[in-house]
């Protein structure tokens, strides 16, 4: 197989060509939300080649660590979990048939704090509440790090239901990987 050499000029020419196209010629994707609405948009890809082999199911654990509590936006890592769920639904599979786990910790911990506690702490409703609900409804197991909850100064009862509280994110992520889950970093 011949060796290919990276040529920055060729890549730049392609970018310039796309940017120089009239706005009418540039097509925007038809974003869809087949399972989780309002987060994790997906677009159909005709003739996609990456399909899950028959008889296999997804077994995935997500590391959910990104968040900026109090800024009014959903956690970008939780939105990535939503995108994965939407991709599964887009492929025609029921997301509830997959085994998806979202392990929340670090700055993302506030994303799973119930509205009354979130409101008292940040002066606004938790923007992640509906997203977490939709993930759970689509079969995603949402788990928060107990160490992160304690470290944030929140009582354990502040965690929204039905989010589970693990001893720690580290032990939960390690356990899931030992059980054969594919790890998706945040």
Protein backbone atom coordinates (compact mmCIF):
# COMPACT_ATOMS: atom_id res chain seq x y z
CA UNK A 1 0.00 0.00 0.00
CA UNK A 2 1.48 3.38 -0.97
CA UNK A 3 2.38 5.75 1.82
CA UNK A 4 0.34 8.96 2.01
CA UNK A 5 1.86 12.18 3.09
CA UNK A 6 -0.05 14.89 4.91
CA UNK A 7 -0.18 18.00 2.76
CA UNK A 8 -1.57 20.98 4.70
CA UNK A 9 -2.04 22.96 1.50
CA UNK A 10 -4.38 20.34 0.04
CA UNK A 11 -6.50 20.23 3.20
CA UNK A 12 -6.64 24.02 3.35
CA UNK A 13 -7.75 24.17 -0.29
CA UNK A 14 -10.69 21.89 0.55
CA UNK A 15 -11.72 24.06 3.50
CA UNK A 16 -11.45 27.24 1.45
CA UNK A 17 -13.58 25.66 -1.31
CA UNK A 18 -16.37 24.82 1.15
CA UNK A 19 -16.21 28.23 2.84
CA UNK A 20 -16.29 30.00 -0.54
CA UNK A 21 -19.53 28.27 -1.55
CA UNK A 22 -22.60 30.49 -1.59
CA UNK A 23 -24.74 30.06 1.53
CA UNK A 24 -27.55 28.57 -0.56
CA UNK A 25 -25.21 25.82 -1.83
CA UNK A 26 -24.13 24.80 1.67
CA UNK A 27 -26.66 22.36 3.07
CA UNK A 28 -27.28 22.19 6.76
CA UNK A 29 -27.83 18.74 8.21
CA UNK A 30 -31.34 17.71 9.11
CA UNK A 31 -30.71 17.25 12.84
CA UNK A 32 -33.02 14.76 14.53
CA UNK A 33 -33.82 13.75 18.09
CA UNK A 34 -35.31 10.24 17.76
CA UNK A 35 -35.17 9.31 21.47
CA UNK A 36 -33.83 12.17 23.62
CA UNK A 37 -35.33 15.52 22.64
CA UNK A 38 -33.39 18.76 22.92
CA UNK A 39 -29.92 17.23 23.39
CA UNK A 40 -27.59 15.04 21.36
CA UNK A 41 -28.79 15.79 17.82
CA UNK A 42 -28.00 13.26 15.09
CA UNK A 43 -28.29 13.15 11.32
CA UNK A 44 -28.94 10.11 9.11
CA UNK A 45 -25.89 8.96 7.15
CA UNK A 46 -26.92 7.16 3.94
CA UNK A 47 -25.07 3.90 3.29
CA UNK A 48 -23.19 4.08 6.60
CA UNK A 49 -20.73 1.24 6.97
CA UNK A 50 -20.34 1.08 10.76
CA UNK A 51 -23.19 -1.17 11.80
CA UNK A 52 -23.46 -3.30 14.92
CA UNK A 53 -23.15 -7.02 14.07
CA UNK A 54 -26.35 -9.05 14.41
CA UNK A 55 -26.85 -10.52 17.85
CA UNK A 56 -24.64 -7.99 19.62
CA UNK A 57 -25.84 -5.25 21.93
CA UNK A 58 -24.11 -2.15 23.12
CA UNK A 59 -22.52 -2.33 26.57
CA UNK A 60 -21.03 1.12 27.18
CA UNK A 61 -19.96 3.21 30.18
CA UNK A 62 -19.59 6.97 29.77
CA UNK A 63 -17.28 9.11 31.90
CA UNK A 64 -19.39 12.22 32.60
CA UNK A 65 -17.11 14.82 34.17
CA UNK A 66 -17.66 18.08 32.25
CA UNK A 67 -20.01 20.74 33.53
CA UNK A 68 -20.24 24.36 34.51
CA UNK A 69 -22.79 24.44 37.32
CA UNK A 70 -25.05 27.46 37.44
CA UNK A 71 -24.43 28.67 33.88
CA UNK A 72 -27.82 27.52 32.56
CA UNK A 73 -26.44 24.93 30.11
CA UNK A 74 -26.71 21.16 30.20
CA UNK A 75 -23.57 19.15 30.84
CA UNK A 76 -21.78 18.60 27.52
CA UNK A 77 -20.87 15.06 28.61
CA UNK A 78 -24.53 14.23 29.37
CA UNK A 79 -25.41 15.65 25.95
CA UNK A 80 -22.89 13.19 24.46
CA UNK A 81 -24.68 10.33 26.19
CA UNK A 82 -27.91 11.66 24.66
CA UNK A 83 -26.26 11.69 21.22
CA UNK A 84 -25.27 8.03 21.64
CA UNK A 85 -28.84 7.13 22.63
CA UNK A 86 -30.15 9.07 19.63
CA UNK A 87 -27.69 7.31 17.31
CA UNK A 88 -28.92 3.94 18.53
CA UNK A 89 -32.55 5.01 17.99
CA UNK A 90 -31.68 6.40 14.56
CA UNK A 91 -30.28 2.99 13.59
CA UNK A 92 -33.68 1.45 14.37
CA UNK A 93 -32.66 -0.17 17.65
CA UNK A 94 -34.56 0.45 20.89
CA UNK A 95 -32.06 2.22 23.22
CA UNK A 96 -33.58 0.27 26.14
CA UNK A 97 -32.09 -2.87 24.58
CA UNK A 98 -28.58 -1.44 25.08
CA UNK A 99 -26.70 -1.47 28.37
CA UNK A 100 -25.63 2.17 28.80
CA UNK A 101 -24.22 3.63 32.00
CA UNK A 102 -23.34 7.29 32.66
CA UNK A 103 -20.98 7.77 35.61
CA UNK A 104 -21.17 11.39 36.77
CA UNK A 105 -18.44 13.07 38.84
CA UNK A 106 -16.26 16.16 39.11
CA UNK A 107 -17.75 19.43 37.82
CA UNK A 108 -20.64 17.47 36.26
CA UNK A 109 -21.87 16.34 39.70
CA UNK A 110 -24.26 19.31 39.98
CA UNK A 111 -26.03 18.04 36.83
CA UNK A 112 -27.75 15.35 38.92
CA UNK A 113 -28.66 17.50 41.93
CA UNK A 114 -32.41 17.94 42.37
CA UNK A 115 -34.01 21.28 41.54
CA UNK A 116 -34.63 22.48 45.12
CA UNK A 117 -30.96 22.00 46.08
CA UNK A 118 -29.70 23.29 42.73
CA UNK A 119 -31.94 26.37 43.01
CA UNK A 120 -30.72 27.08 46.55
CA UNK A 121 -27.08 26.74 45.46
CA UNK A 122 -27.11 28.44 42.04
CA UNK A 123 -30.27 30.57 42.05
CA UNK A 124 -31.79 28.78 39.04
CA UNK A 125 -33.46 25.51 38.14
CA UNK A 126 -31.19 22.62 37.12
CA UNK A 127 -31.02 22.68 33.29
CA UNK A 128 -30.14 18.95 33.29
CA UNK A 129 -33.30 17.68 35.00
CA UNK A 130 -35.26 16.89 31.83
CA UNK A 131 -32.19 15.44 30.10
CA UNK A 132 -31.47 13.06 33.00
CA UNK A 133 -35.15 12.04 33.04
CA UNK A 134 -35.11 11.30 29.30
CA UNK A 135 -31.86 9.33 29.57
CA UNK A 136 -33.34 7.20 32.36
CA UNK A 137 -36.55 6.70 30.32
CA UNK A 138 -34.40 5.41 27.47
CA UNK A 139 -32.72 2.82 29.68
CA UNK A 140 -29.54 4.73 30.62
CA UNK A 141 -28.37 3.98 34.16
CA UNK A 142 -27.17 7.29 35.62
CA UNK A 143 -24.80 6.95 38.57
CA UNK A 144 -23.08 9.74 40.53
CA UNK A 145 -19.85 9.55 42.50
CA UNK A 146 -20.58 9.66 46.23
CA UNK A 147 -17.16 11.21 46.85
CA UNK A 148 -17.98 14.06 44.44
CA UNK A 149 -21.38 14.65 46.06
CA UNK A 150 -19.74 14.87 49.49
CA UNK A 151 -16.89 16.99 48.12
CA UNK A 152 -19.40 19.45 46.66
CA UNK A 153 -20.94 19.84 50.11
CA UNK A 154 -24.30 18.40 49.03
CA UNK A 155 -26.24 15.92 51.13
CA UNK A 156 -26.81 12.55 49.45
CA UNK A 157 -30.58 13.16 49.51
CA UNK A 158 -29.97 16.11 47.17
CA UNK A 159 -29.27 13.67 44.31
CA UNK A 160 -32.26 13.54 41.94
CA UNK A 161 -34.21 10.33 41.68
CA UNK A 162 -33.66 7.71 40.26
CA UNK A 163 -29.92 8.53 39.96
CA UNK A 164 -27.87 6.01 41.93
CA UNK A 165 -25.03 7.02 44.26
CA UNK A 166 -21.85 4.92 43.94
CA UNK A 167 -19.02 4.87 46.44
CA UNK A 168 -16.84 6.54 43.84
CA UNK A 169 -16.62 7.18 40.10
CA UNK A 170 -13.19 5.55 39.97
CA UNK A 171 -14.37 2.25 41.42
CA UNK A 172 -17.59 2.29 39.35
CA UNK A 173 -15.74 2.97 36.07
CA UNK A 174 -13.16 0.26 36.85
CA UNK A 175 -15.89 -2.24 37.79
CA UNK A 176 -17.84 -1.62 34.59
CA UNK A 177 -14.73 -2.00 32.43
CA UNK A 178 -13.90 -5.28 34.18
CA UNK A 179 -17.46 -6.38 33.34
CA UNK A 180 -16.76 -5.81 29.63
CA UNK A 181 -18.22 -2.34 29.08
CA UNK A 182 -16.66 -0.20 26.38
CA UNK A 183 -15.32 2.97 28.02
CA UNK A 184 -16.19 6.34 26.48
CA UNK A 185 -14.07 9.13 28.01
CA UNK A 186 -15.59 12.51 28.74
